């Protein structure tokens, strides 16, 4: 009788994508991009590379870049409100 090997793959099932109706429509305008830097070392460099990558692939109307004063605290409400008002998509990054 051959030896039996049992493999356990600890992967979560693939989640379904959100329905298109639940996503914010940009409406034919160029993208308004926002970035939130958590103030860790090199986060600004990582965000700059991401912004340039997005700009290389699509038209970007504006970029608003904001920074938290410290990585250990959440962003202030006024910062989040500004990003919500001035950006269609926000990229947040932390790096070291």
C-alpha atoms as a PDB file:
ATOM      1  CA  UNK A   1       0.000   0.000   0.000  1.00  0.00           C
ATOM      2  CA  UNK A   2       1.555   3.339  -1.021  1.00  0.00           C
ATOM      3  CA  UNK A   3       2.160   6.033   1.569  1.00  0.00           C
ATOM      4  CA  UNK A   4      -0.408   8.794   1.514  1.00  0.00           C
ATOM      5  CA  UNK A   5       0.660  12.440   1.722  1.00  0.00           C
ATOM      6  CA  UNK A   6      -1.878  15.038   2.817  1.00  0.00           C
ATOM      7  CA  UNK A   7      -1.152  18.638   1.906  1.00  0.00           C
ATOM      8  CA  UNK A   8      -2.846  21.507   3.713  1.00  0.00           C
ATOM      9  CA  UNK A   9      -2.828  24.806   1.829  1.00  0.00           C
ATOM     10  CA  UNK A  10      -3.543  27.654   4.283  1.00  0.00           C
ATOM     11  CA  UNK A  11      -4.986  30.071   1.719  1.00  0.00           C
ATOM     12  CA  UNK A  12      -8.155  32.033   2.234  1.00  0.00           C
ATOM     13  CA  UNK A  13     -10.799  31.728  -0.457  1.00  0.00           C
ATOM     14  CA  UNK A  14     -10.763  34.436  -3.116  1.00  0.00           C
ATOM     15  CA  UNK A  15     -13.145  37.234  -2.212  1.00  0.00           C
ATOM     16  CA  UNK A  16     -15.598  38.520  -4.769  1.00  0.00           C
ATOM     17  CA  UNK A  17     -14.953  42.001  -6.144  1.00  0.00           C
ATOM     18  CA  UNK A  18     -17.264  44.791  -5.056  1.00  0.00           C
ATOM     19  CA  UNK A  19     -20.162  45.486  -7.362  1.00  0.00           C
ATOM     20  CA  UNK A  20     -19.505  48.276  -9.852  1.00  0.00           C
ATOM     21  CA  UNK A  21     -22.562  50.176  -8.603  1.00  0.00           C
ATOM     22  CA  UNK A  22     -20.920  50.540  -5.187  1.00  0.00           C
ATOM     23  CA  UNK A  23     -17.812  52.197  -6.561  1.00  0.00           C
ATOM     24  CA  UNK A  24     -17.321  55.944  -6.955  1.00  0.00           C
ATOM     25  CA  UNK A  25     -17.672  57.001 -10.587  1.00  0.00           C
ATOM     26  CA  UNK A  26     -15.161  59.512 -11.917  1.00  0.00           C
ATOM     27  CA  UNK A  27     -17.532  60.427 -14.745  1.00  0.00           C
ATOM     28  CA  UNK A  28     -15.154  60.837 -17.672  1.00  0.00           C
ATOM     29  CA  UNK A  29     -12.999  63.382 -15.875  1.00  0.00           C
ATOM     30  CA  UNK A  30      -9.312  62.967 -15.341  1.00  0.00           C
ATOM     31  CA  UNK A  31      -8.335  61.376 -12.043  1.00  0.00           C
ATOM     32  CA  UNK A  32      -7.780  63.467  -8.925  1.00  0.00           C
ATOM     33  CA  UNK A  33      -5.190  61.526  -6.934  1.00  0.00           C
ATOM     34  CA  UNK A  34      -4.499  61.863  -3.215  1.00  0.00           C
ATOM     35  CA  UNK A  35      -1.645  60.538  -1.110  1.00  0.00           C
ATOM     36  CA  UNK A  36      -1.376  60.179   2.645  1.00  0.00           C
ATOM     37  CA  UNK A  37       2.161  59.830   3.994  1.00  0.00           C
ATOM     38  CA  UNK A  38       2.325  58.304   7.477  1.00  0.00           C
ATOM     39  CA  UNK A  39       5.665  60.111   8.110  1.00  0.00           C
ATOM     40  CA  UNK A  40       7.827  56.975   8.307  1.00  0.00           C
ATOM     41  CA  UNK A  41      11.194  57.062   6.557  1.00  0.00           C
ATOM     42  CA  UNK A  42      10.972  56.741   2.766  1.00  0.00           C
ATOM     43  CA  UNK A  43       7.150  56.769   2.633  1.00  0.00           C
ATOM     44  CA  UNK A  44       7.373  60.011   0.631  1.00  0.00           C
ATOM     45  CA  UNK A  45       9.697  58.329  -1.882  1.00  0.00           C
ATOM     46  CA  UNK A  46       7.403  55.320  -2.220  1.00  0.00           C
ATOM     47  CA  UNK A  47       4.364  57.550  -2.744  1.00  0.00           C
ATOM     48  CA  UNK A  48       6.205  59.650  -5.341  1.00  0.00           C
ATOM     49  CA  UNK A  49       7.065  56.487  -7.292  1.00  0.00           C
ATOM     50  CA  UNK A  50       3.441  55.314  -7.123  1.00  0.00           C
ATOM     51  CA  UNK A  51       2.128  58.686  -8.302  1.00  0.00           C
ATOM     52  CA  UNK A  52       4.548  58.681 -11.243  1.00  0.00           C
ATOM     53  CA  UNK A  53       3.460  55.133 -12.102  1.00  0.00           C
ATOM     54  CA  UNK A  54      -0.208  56.139 -12.106  1.00  0.00           C
ATOM     55  CA  UNK A  55       0.565  59.234 -14.201  1.00  0.00           C
ATOM     56  CA  UNK A  56       2.387  57.042 -16.728  1.00  0.00           C
ATOM     57  CA  UNK A  57      -0.712  54.882 -17.194  1.00  0.00           C
ATOM     58  CA  UNK A  58      -3.566  57.386 -17.057  1.00  0.00           C
ATOM     59  CA  UNK A  59      -4.385  61.067 -17.123  1.00  0.00           C
ATOM     60  CA  UNK A  60      -4.165  62.692 -13.706  1.00  0.00           C
ATOM     61  CA  UNK A  61      -5.778  66.082 -13.204  1.00  0.00           C
ATOM     62  CA  UNK A  62      -4.327  66.847  -9.783  1.00  0.00           C
ATOM     63  CA  UNK A  63      -2.420  65.348  -6.883  1.00  0.00           C
ATOM     64  CA  UNK A  64      -2.978  66.343  -3.262  1.00  0.00           C
ATOM     65  CA  UNK A  65      -0.253  65.042  -0.947  1.00  0.00           C
ATOM     66  CA  UNK A  66      -0.778  65.201   2.794  1.00  0.00           C
ATOM     67  CA  UNK A  67       1.297  63.889   5.676  1.00  0.00           C
ATOM     68  CA  UNK A  68       0.470  62.724   9.182  1.00  0.00           C
ATOM     69  CA  UNK A  69       2.672  64.213  11.892  1.00  0.00           C
ATOM     70  CA  UNK A  70       3.416  60.827  13.435  1.00  0.00           C
ATOM     71  CA  UNK A  71       2.963  57.202  12.322  1.00  0.00           C
ATOM     72  CA  UNK A  72       1.487  56.110  15.667  1.00  0.00           C
ATOM     73  CA  UNK A  73      -1.624  58.318  15.525  1.00  0.00           C
ATOM     74  CA  UNK A  74      -4.491  58.291  13.033  1.00  0.00           C
ATOM     75  CA  UNK A  75      -4.860  61.091  10.518  1.00  0.00           C
ATOM     76  CA  UNK A  76      -6.791  64.083  11.799  1.00  0.00           C
ATOM     77  CA  UNK A  77     -10.376  64.503  10.627  1.00  0.00           C
ATOM     78  CA  UNK A  78      -9.534  67.673   8.670  1.00  0.00           C
ATOM     79  CA  UNK A  79      -6.845  65.773   6.714  1.00  0.00           C
ATOM     80  CA  UNK A  80      -9.267  62.964   5.850  1.00  0.00           C
ATOM     81  CA  UNK A  81     -11.974  65.487   4.928  1.00  0.00           C
ATOM     82  CA  UNK A  82      -9.568  67.325   2.623  1.00  0.00           C
ATOM     83  CA  UNK A  83      -8.585  64.080   0.894  1.00  0.00           C
ATOM     84  CA  UNK A  84     -12.256  63.103   0.498  1.00  0.00           C
ATOM     85  CA  UNK A  85     -13.043  66.508  -1.016  1.00  0.00           C
ATOM     86  CA  UNK A  86     -10.039  66.873  -3.324  1.00  0.00           C
ATOM     87  CA  UNK A  87      -9.297  63.301  -4.449  1.00  0.00           C
ATOM     88  CA  UNK A  88     -11.125  60.522  -6.257  1.00  0.00           C
ATOM     89  CA  UNK A  89      -8.587  57.905  -5.108  1.00  0.00           C
ATOM     90  CA  UNK A  90      -6.188  58.015  -2.139  1.00  0.00           C
ATOM     91  CA  UNK A  91      -2.992  56.002  -1.759  1.00  0.00           C
ATOM     92  CA  UNK A  92      -1.659  55.645   1.761  1.00  0.00           C
ATOM     93  CA  UNK A  93       1.816  54.279   2.326  1.00  0.00           C
ATOM     94  CA  UNK A  94       4.255  53.476   5.048  1.00  0.00           C
ATOM     95  CA  UNK A  95       7.837  52.530   4.564  1.00  0.00           C
ATOM     96  CA  UNK A  96      11.198  52.255   6.301  1.00  0.00           C
END
